[in-house]
Protein backbone atom coordinates (compact mmCIF):
# COMPACT_ATOMS: atom_id res chain seq x y z
CA MET A 1 110.75 166.62 107.89
CA VAL A 2 112.81 168.28 110.59
CA PRO A 3 115.08 165.57 112.35
CA SER A 4 114.41 165.28 116.00
CA LYS A 5 116.66 167.04 118.28
CA ILE A 6 119.35 165.10 119.89
CA THR A 7 119.14 165.19 123.70
CA VAL A 8 121.01 163.42 126.41
CA THR A 9 117.74 161.62 127.31
CA ARG A 10 117.35 160.35 123.83
CA VAL A 11 120.82 159.22 123.51
CA ALA A 12 120.59 157.42 126.86
CA ALA A 13 117.41 155.72 125.92
CA ALA A 14 118.91 154.54 122.42
CA ARG A 15 121.92 153.28 124.27
CA THR A 16 119.88 151.42 126.89
CA ARG A 17 117.70 149.76 124.10
CA GLN A 18 120.88 148.78 122.32
CA LEU A 19 122.45 147.21 125.43
CA THR A 20 119.21 145.46 126.28
CA SER A 21 118.90 144.05 122.84
CA THR A 22 122.50 142.80 122.97
CA ALA A 23 122.04 141.22 126.37
CA VAL A 24 118.89 139.51 125.29
CA ARG A 25 120.49 138.10 122.28
CA ARG A 26 123.56 136.81 124.30
CA ILE A 27 121.32 135.21 126.91
CA ASN A 28 119.28 133.55 124.48
CA ALA A 29 122.29 132.27 122.72
CA ALA A 30 123.76 130.98 126.02
CA SER A 31 120.54 129.18 126.71
CA ARG A 32 120.81 127.45 123.22
CA ALA A 33 124.36 126.68 123.12
CA ASP A 34 125.88 123.05 122.76
CA GLY A 35 122.77 121.71 121.14
CA ALA A 36 120.39 122.75 123.98
CA GLY A 37 118.03 124.43 121.53
CA GLU A 38 117.57 121.17 119.42
CA THR A 39 116.96 118.78 122.29
CA GLY A 40 114.47 120.89 124.30
CA LEU A 41 116.92 121.74 127.27
CA THR A 42 116.49 125.48 126.33
CA ARG A 43 112.88 125.32 127.18
CA LEU A 44 113.37 123.54 130.32
CA ILE A 45 116.00 126.17 131.21
CA TRP A 46 113.43 128.85 130.81
CA THR A 47 110.75 126.89 132.57
CA HIS A 48 113.20 126.61 135.37
CA ALA A 49 114.16 130.20 135.37
CA LEU A 50 110.45 131.38 135.50
CA ASN A 51 109.88 128.73 138.30
CA CYS A 52 112.65 130.20 140.43
CA ALA A 53 111.31 133.78 139.70
CA GLY A 54 107.99 132.74 141.01
CA ASP A 55 109.42 130.97 144.08
CA THR A 56 111.31 134.12 144.84
CA LEU A 57 108.24 136.29 144.53
CA ILE A 58 106.33 133.74 146.96
CA ALA A 59 109.27 134.10 149.39
CA ILE A 60 109.08 137.77 149.30
CA SER A 61 105.41 137.72 150.01
CA LEU A 62 105.78 135.36 152.91
CA ALA A 63 108.48 137.58 154.42
CA GLY A 64 105.96 140.27 154.94
CA THR A 65 103.43 138.12 156.88
CA LEU A 66 103.22 136.44 160.38
CA PHE A 67 105.81 133.91 159.12
CA PHE A 68 108.53 135.96 160.44
CA ALA A 69 106.75 137.08 163.36
CA ALA A 70 106.74 133.55 164.37
CA ALA A 71 110.39 133.56 164.79
CA THR A 72 110.08 135.69 167.90
CA GLY A 73 108.82 132.70 169.43
CA GLU A 74 106.13 133.27 172.00
CA GLN A 75 102.92 132.50 170.31
CA ARG A 76 102.89 128.82 169.96
CA THR A 77 100.14 128.73 167.45
CA ASN A 78 102.02 130.93 165.03
CA VAL A 79 105.33 128.92 165.62
CA ALA A 80 103.24 125.56 164.79
CA LEU A 81 101.86 127.22 161.63
CA TYR A 82 105.41 128.54 160.63
CA LEU A 83 106.72 124.89 161.09
CA ILE A 84 103.86 123.10 159.13
CA VAL A 85 103.86 125.41 156.17
CA THR A 86 107.62 125.72 155.86
CA MET A 87 108.65 122.25 156.44
CA ALA A 88 105.78 119.72 155.85
CA PRO A 89 105.75 120.14 152.08
CA PHE A 90 109.16 118.37 151.74
CA ALA A 91 108.05 115.37 153.95
CA ILE A 92 104.71 115.02 152.05
CA VAL A 93 106.33 115.17 148.66
CA ALA A 94 108.99 112.67 149.34
CA PRO A 95 107.01 109.40 149.90
CA ILE A 96 104.44 110.43 147.10
CA ILE A 97 106.15 111.85 144.12
CA GLY A 98 108.86 109.24 143.88
CA PRO A 99 106.48 106.34 143.36
CA ALA A 100 104.12 108.33 141.32
CA LEU A 101 107.06 109.03 138.84
CA ASP A 102 107.80 105.42 138.52
CA ARG A 103 104.18 104.78 137.46
CA LEU A 104 103.82 107.90 135.26
CA GLN A 105 104.91 106.71 131.84
CA ARG A 106 103.61 109.55 129.92
CA GLY A 107 102.43 113.27 130.52
CA ARG A 108 105.57 114.74 132.21
CA ARG A 109 105.03 117.97 130.43
CA TRP A 110 101.64 118.29 131.71
CA ALA A 111 102.62 117.24 135.20
CA LEU A 112 105.35 120.18 135.18
CA ALA A 113 102.78 122.59 133.74
CA SER A 114 100.21 121.45 136.45
CA THR A 115 102.57 122.47 139.25
CA MET A 116 102.97 125.92 137.72
CA GLY A 117 99.16 126.30 137.06
CA GLY A 118 98.44 125.22 140.62
CA ARG A 119 100.71 127.81 142.04
CA ALA A 120 99.30 130.49 139.85
CA VAL A 121 95.83 129.73 141.27
CA LEU A 122 97.23 129.65 144.77
CA ALA A 123 99.11 132.86 144.25
CA TRP A 124 95.69 134.55 143.40
CA ILE A 125 94.15 132.97 146.49
CA MET A 126 97.12 134.29 148.67
CA ALA A 127 96.63 137.73 147.25
CA ALA A 128 92.90 137.79 147.97
CA ASN A 129 93.56 136.50 151.55
CA TYR A 130 96.84 138.28 152.45
CA ASP A 131 95.68 139.26 155.92
CA ASN A 132 93.76 136.35 157.12
CA PHE A 133 94.23 132.72 158.02
CA ALA A 134 93.34 131.51 154.49
CA LEU A 135 96.91 132.59 153.50
CA TYR A 136 98.53 129.71 155.20
CA PRO A 137 96.78 126.68 153.51
CA ALA A 138 97.50 128.39 150.12
CA ALA A 139 101.10 128.99 150.86
CA PHE A 140 101.30 125.41 152.05
CA GLY A 141 99.92 124.17 148.64
CA ALA A 142 102.26 126.52 146.76
CA LEU A 143 105.33 124.98 148.61
CA VAL A 144 104.11 121.48 148.16
CA LEU A 145 103.90 122.13 144.39
CA ALA A 146 107.30 123.72 144.36
CA LYS A 147 108.81 120.60 145.82
CA ALA A 148 106.97 118.39 143.36
CA TYR A 149 108.28 120.59 140.58
CA GLY A 150 111.82 119.88 141.78
CA VAL A 151 111.44 116.19 141.66
CA LEU A 152 109.76 116.25 138.19
CA LYS A 153 112.44 118.57 136.82
CA GLY A 154 115.10 116.18 138.01
CA ALA A 155 113.48 113.31 136.04
CA VAL A 156 113.04 115.35 132.92
CA VAL A 157 116.76 116.68 132.57
CA PRO A 158 118.22 113.26 131.26
CA ARG A 159 115.45 113.30 128.63
CA VAL A 160 116.68 116.60 126.96
CA LEU A 161 120.21 116.22 127.45
CA PRO A 162 122.21 117.16 124.25
CA GLY A 163 124.71 114.24 123.28
CA GLU A 164 127.81 116.53 123.58
CA MET A 165 126.70 117.86 127.13
CA THR A 166 127.15 116.16 130.59
CA LEU A 167 124.42 116.10 133.36
CA VAL A 168 126.74 118.37 135.31
CA THR A 169 126.88 121.02 132.67
CA ALA A 170 123.12 120.86 131.97
CA ASN A 171 122.21 121.27 135.69
CA ALA A 172 124.79 123.89 136.25
CA ARG A 173 123.24 125.82 133.42
CA LEU A 174 119.77 125.31 134.83
CA SER A 175 120.88 126.57 138.24
CA ILE A 176 122.71 129.70 136.84
CA PHE A 177 119.76 130.82 134.95
CA GLY A 178 117.60 130.10 137.87
CA LEU A 179 119.59 132.03 140.28
CA LEU A 180 120.10 135.01 137.94
CA THR A 181 116.46 135.25 137.26
CA GLY A 182 115.46 134.91 140.93
CA ALA A 183 117.85 137.71 141.78
CA VAL A 184 116.30 140.01 139.11
CA PHE A 185 112.74 139.20 140.32
CA ALA A 186 113.83 139.73 143.83
CA GLY A 187 114.43 143.30 142.99
CA VAL A 188 111.18 143.53 140.91
CA GLY A 189 109.22 141.97 143.82
CA PHE A 190 110.34 144.11 146.51
CA GLY A 191 109.78 147.21 144.16
CA VAL A 192 106.17 146.12 143.46
CA ALA A 193 105.54 145.27 147.13
CA SER A 194 106.93 148.55 148.22
CA LEU A 195 105.10 150.72 145.71
CA LEU A 196 101.81 148.82 145.36
CA GLY A 197 101.62 146.35 148.16
CA PHE A 198 101.91 142.58 148.53
CA THR A 199 98.67 141.85 146.82
CA TRP A 200 99.95 143.19 143.48
CA GLU A 201 103.38 141.45 144.02
CA LEU A 202 101.29 138.18 144.32
CA GLY A 203 99.34 139.10 141.20
CA LEU A 204 102.72 139.38 139.41
CA THR A 205 103.64 136.01 141.00
CA ALA A 206 100.50 134.35 139.27
CA VAL A 207 101.34 135.73 135.87
CA VAL A 208 105.00 134.43 136.09
CA PHE A 209 103.61 130.96 136.99
CA VAL A 210 101.29 131.09 134.09
CA ALA A 211 104.20 131.88 131.69
CA ALA A 212 106.17 129.08 133.23
CA GLY A 213 103.43 126.47 132.64
CA ALA A 214 103.04 127.63 129.10
CA VAL A 215 106.82 127.20 128.53
CA ALA A 216 106.69 123.65 130.25
CA LEU A 217 103.94 122.63 127.64
CA SER A 218 106.19 123.65 124.84
CA LEU A 219 108.76 121.12 125.78
CA PRO A 220 109.30 118.28 123.05
CA GLU A 221 107.16 115.27 123.13
CA HIS A 222 110.02 112.87 123.72
CA VAL A 223 109.98 114.27 127.24
CA ASP A 224 106.96 111.98 127.82
CA HIS A 225 108.40 108.82 126.56
CA SER A 226 109.81 106.42 129.10
CA GLU A 227 110.39 103.21 127.09
CA GLY A 228 113.24 101.24 128.67
CA GLU A 229 113.59 103.12 131.88
CA LEU A 230 113.82 101.30 135.13
CA PRO A 231 112.93 102.50 138.78
CA ALA A 232 116.03 103.13 140.94
CA SER A 233 116.50 102.65 144.71
CA VAL A 234 118.60 105.14 146.69
CA LEU A 235 118.48 103.31 150.04
CA THR A 236 120.09 100.02 149.35
CA THR A 237 123.77 99.32 148.15
CA GLY A 238 124.87 96.96 145.66
CA SER A 239 126.28 96.61 142.21
CA PRO A 240 124.96 99.39 139.76
CA GLY A 241 121.77 98.12 138.11
CA SER A 242 121.33 95.13 140.34
CA LEU A 243 117.77 94.08 141.44
CA THR A 244 116.74 94.86 145.07
CA GLY A 245 114.32 93.33 147.24
CA SER A 246 111.76 96.23 146.65
CA GLY A 247 111.96 95.44 142.82
CA ARG A 248 114.01 98.50 142.00
CA ARG A 249 117.61 98.66 140.81
CA SER A 250 120.52 99.57 142.93
CA LEU A 251 122.63 102.64 141.98
CA GLY A 252 125.88 101.26 143.39
CA ILE A 253 127.84 102.17 146.54
CA ARG A 254 129.76 105.05 145.02
CA VAL A 255 126.43 106.86 144.09
CA ILE A 256 124.96 106.12 147.55
CA THR A 257 128.00 107.22 149.29
CA ALA A 258 127.98 110.58 147.32
CA LEU A 259 124.28 110.93 147.95
CA ARG A 260 124.64 110.55 151.63
CA CYS A 261 127.26 113.19 151.74
CA VAL A 262 125.28 115.65 149.70
CA ALA A 263 122.27 114.79 151.78
CA THR A 264 124.24 115.95 154.79
CA LEU A 265 124.98 119.13 153.31
CA ARG A 266 121.38 119.58 152.34
CA GLY A 267 120.53 118.99 155.94
CA LEU A 268 122.89 121.80 156.95
CA ALA A 269 120.98 124.00 154.40
CA GLY A 270 117.77 123.28 156.22
CA PHE A 271 119.27 123.80 159.61
CA LEU A 272 120.51 127.31 158.50
CA THR A 273 117.28 128.07 156.57
CA ILE A 274 115.11 127.44 159.83
CA PHE A 275 117.49 128.54 162.58
CA SER A 276 118.58 131.81 161.13
CA PRO A 277 115.25 133.51 161.24
CA PHE A 278 114.64 132.29 164.84
CA LEU A 279 118.03 133.33 165.94
CA VAL A 280 118.15 136.78 164.46
CA GLN A 281 114.60 137.67 165.19
CA GLY A 282 114.76 136.28 168.75
CA THR A 283 118.15 137.80 169.80
CA ILE A 284 118.34 141.00 167.67
CA GLY A 285 114.83 141.94 166.00
CA GLY A 286 113.69 145.14 164.50
CA VAL A 287 115.19 146.67 161.33
CA GLU A 288 118.84 145.56 162.37
CA GLY A 289 117.51 141.95 162.53
CA THR A 290 115.93 142.21 159.10
CA LEU A 291 119.22 143.53 157.71
CA VAL A 292 121.23 140.81 159.34
CA LEU A 293 118.80 138.10 157.91
CA ALA A 294 119.14 139.63 154.46
CA ALA A 295 123.06 139.42 154.86
CA ILE A 296 122.69 135.76 155.79
CA ALA A 297 120.36 134.87 152.92
CA GLY A 298 122.68 136.93 150.61
CA GLY A 299 125.70 134.91 151.79
CA ALA A 300 123.80 131.79 151.07
CA GLY A 301 122.72 132.85 147.64
CA LEU A 302 126.03 134.20 146.78
CA GLY A 303 127.60 130.81 147.83
CA SER A 304 125.27 128.91 145.70
CA PHE A 305 126.12 131.03 142.70
CA ILE A 306 129.73 130.50 143.28
CA GLY A 307 129.54 126.77 143.66
CA THR A 308 127.31 126.53 140.48
CA ALA A 309 129.88 128.57 138.57
CA ILE A 310 132.65 126.47 139.65
CA GLY A 311 130.73 123.35 138.87
CA ALA A 312 129.89 124.65 135.43
CA ARG A 313 133.44 125.49 134.57
CA ALA A 314 135.55 122.95 136.35
CA ARG A 315 135.85 119.33 135.32
CA LEU A 316 135.47 117.17 138.31
CA THR A 317 137.89 114.43 137.52
CA ASN A 318 137.40 112.66 140.95
CA PRO A 319 133.79 113.77 142.28
CA ASP A 320 133.89 111.08 144.93
CA VAL A 321 136.65 112.78 146.77
CA VAL A 322 135.11 116.26 146.11
CA VAL A 323 132.01 115.47 147.75
CA LEU A 324 133.80 114.04 150.85
CA VAL A 325 135.98 117.04 151.06
CA LEU A 326 133.14 119.39 150.77
CA THR A 327 131.35 117.65 153.73
CA GLY A 328 134.64 118.14 155.82
CA ILE A 329 134.67 121.82 154.86
CA ALA A 330 131.15 122.46 155.93
CA ALA A 331 131.94 120.74 159.13
CA VAL A 332 134.97 122.94 159.61
CA GLY A 333 132.74 125.97 159.07
CA CYS A 334 130.29 124.97 161.73
CA LEU A 335 133.18 124.37 164.23
CA VAL A 336 134.42 127.83 163.59
CA ALA A 337 131.18 129.34 164.11
CA ALA A 338 130.82 127.38 167.31
CA PHE A 339 134.13 128.49 168.87
CA ALA A 340 134.23 131.92 167.54
CA TYR A 341 130.43 132.77 167.34
CA SER A 342 129.31 136.12 165.85
CA ILE A 343 126.96 137.30 163.12
CA ALA A 344 129.92 137.48 160.77
CA THR A 345 130.69 133.63 161.30
CA VAL A 346 127.09 132.81 160.78
CA ILE A 347 127.03 134.90 157.38
CA ALA A 348 130.36 133.01 156.53
CA VAL A 349 128.83 129.55 157.35
CA ALA A 350 125.75 130.52 155.10
CA LEU A 351 128.27 131.25 152.25
CA VAL A 352 130.24 127.99 152.76
CA ALA A 353 126.99 126.04 153.01
CA GLY A 354 125.78 127.58 149.66
CA VAL A 355 129.08 126.84 148.01
CA THR A 356 129.31 123.15 149.33
CA ASN A 357 125.68 122.49 148.52
CA ALA A 358 125.82 123.69 145.01
CA LEU A 359 129.19 122.06 144.20
CA GLY A 360 128.28 118.90 145.96
CA LYS A 361 125.19 118.56 143.95
CA HIS A 362 127.18 118.91 140.82
CA GLY A 363 129.83 116.15 142.10
CA LEU A 364 126.68 113.89 142.57
CA ASP A 365 125.49 114.57 139.15
CA ALA A 366 128.88 113.59 137.80
CA ILE A 367 128.92 110.35 139.68
CA ILE A 368 125.36 109.43 138.48
CA GLN A 369 126.28 110.02 134.86
CA ARG A 370 129.55 108.07 135.33
CA ASP A 371 128.18 105.02 137.33
CA VAL A 372 124.46 104.74 136.60
CA PRO A 373 123.19 103.05 133.38
CA GLU A 374 121.13 105.36 131.21
CA SER A 375 117.95 103.34 131.81
CA LEU A 376 118.05 104.22 135.56
CA ARG A 377 118.95 108.03 135.36
CA SER A 378 115.77 109.54 135.21
CA SER A 379 114.38 107.55 138.27
CA ALA A 380 117.82 108.08 140.10
CA PHE A 381 117.51 111.92 139.92
CA ALA A 382 113.78 111.87 140.89
CA ARG A 383 114.55 109.57 143.82
CA SER A 384 117.65 111.37 144.96
CA GLU A 385 115.98 114.65 144.99
CA THR A 386 113.31 113.29 147.43
CA LEU A 387 115.81 111.95 149.81
CA LEU A 388 117.59 115.38 149.80
CA GLN A 389 114.36 116.88 150.59
CA ILE A 390 113.82 114.70 153.52
CA THR A 391 117.28 115.58 154.91
CA TRP A 392 116.41 119.28 154.60
CA VAL A 393 113.40 118.57 156.84
CA PHE A 394 115.63 116.78 159.32
CA GLY A 395 118.01 119.69 159.41
CA GLY A 396 115.16 122.13 160.02
CA ALA A 397 113.67 119.98 162.67
CA ILE A 398 116.95 120.00 164.53
CA ALA A 399 117.22 123.77 164.37
CA ILE A 400 113.79 124.12 165.98
CA SER A 401 114.66 121.95 168.86
CA LEU A 402 117.69 123.99 169.86
CA PRO A 403 118.01 126.93 172.04
CA LEU A 404 118.77 130.42 170.51
CA ILE A 405 122.30 130.19 171.60
CA GLY A 406 124.53 130.34 168.59
CA TRP A 407 127.65 128.34 169.66
CA ILE A 408 125.52 125.44 170.98
CA ALA A 409 123.51 125.26 167.80
CA PHE A 410 126.67 125.25 165.55
CA THR A 411 128.49 122.67 167.76
CA VAL A 412 125.56 120.38 167.35
CA ALA A 413 125.60 121.00 163.70
CA ALA A 414 129.18 120.33 163.25
CA VAL A 415 129.06 117.04 165.50
CA LEU A 416 126.09 115.52 163.24
CA ILE A 417 127.91 116.52 160.07
CA VAL A 418 131.18 114.74 161.23
CA THR A 419 129.18 111.74 162.50
CA ALA A 420 127.34 111.29 159.20
CA ALA A 421 130.31 111.75 157.14
CA THR A 422 132.33 109.22 159.15
CA LEU A 423 129.63 106.76 159.18
CA THR A 424 129.03 107.19 155.46
CA LEU A 425 132.82 106.85 154.75
CA ILE A 426 133.12 103.75 156.94
CA GLY A 427 130.17 102.18 155.34
CA SER A 428 131.51 102.84 151.86
CA ARG A 429 134.87 101.18 152.40
CA LYS A 430 133.33 98.11 153.99
CA ARG A 431 131.26 97.58 150.92
CA ARG A 432 133.45 98.83 148.17
CA GLY A 433 135.76 95.92 147.70
CA GLY A 434 133.08 93.83 146.01
CA THR A 435 131.64 96.67 143.88
CA PRO A 436 132.26 96.13 140.17
CA ALA A 437 133.68 98.92 137.83
CA PRO A 438 131.38 101.70 136.80
CA THR A 439 129.00 101.14 133.81
CA GLY A 440 127.83 104.56 132.78
CA GLN A 441 129.26 107.10 130.59
CA PRO A 442 132.23 109.22 131.69
CA ALA A 443 131.43 112.44 133.27
């Protein structure tokens, strides 16, 4: 047999296959490192990565609809639809999912898979109704299930945590894989939408969610077991583990203080997410406005990646101080944007908000692992996530109520952040004197 002629194309193809195979092996090894493969964390990582990919594809599909046309502001019906579909899922999930999780003793894997399967069906519905009103309720349902998944995932993480890994490291690994997968599928989604249209892009979304549901079902059986777990309260202060009037257990003043700071940062994220499209489309518009909005979103995404990378590598020896400092940095960023308002400062604030949100969440994780008894951790993560979603809604609601004048909006944001941080710090100092020593594992 005559050997195949060596060409530049064949050499390039062989080299590409070799690099791809090496990259896949390294990524798989990273997902299984530190005992993650044995406890089931690896499967949760890939469930979360595919979830982020699906969420990214949903966001791309909505960017091509009347959702962004609503940002130009004159048709009140479109604006109302924009607000309901974008913000209401957070408010609906918060009072429902937390109590439901406390009563759900088994079936967490099926619950996770159901959020994926439901979004797969809704993506098909969106694909079939992309140009009519039926798109809105389907998108609404998809966003509700996305928030439900976030709360469920928070409750599952402590159940698959390897003994040699901290919650901070586990959540950082989840975030990094999610961000990278989302970034890859953003490019894929834009390519499919450009070449074949949004209907095909939503079809791809459905396939991704089906795959995510299958991986969720492969999680180990111990994910479903909740013997010895207790419901937590994130609204009342007291010594860690003490019983509150609602029948739940307090997480302690240190956890509550950190949670309030991180909630403030999450409120800023909600503010920027809602205000930025309105500001850009209402004052710039057109292709230039789309590019500016992409730059703001890119800044937020880059900031989130940087914050996650820092949280994964840096050991937060004093996370209580870290979350307070991060809140102050976010406030300073808003003040700078208020006094020197420009598109560049808005992008900078988005970057700062991404870093502080990601790193602040890692600080909160460290405090929960340090101070909260193991029996309360699953409920603590689920309950804290619902509170963070509520503050996102609050930040978005403030954004809607403000005029499209940048310096006014960022002045209001800075004042609210400083006020919230000050009240939180004062409240923690008043109560901390009687708080006993932490009872959890060291972070």
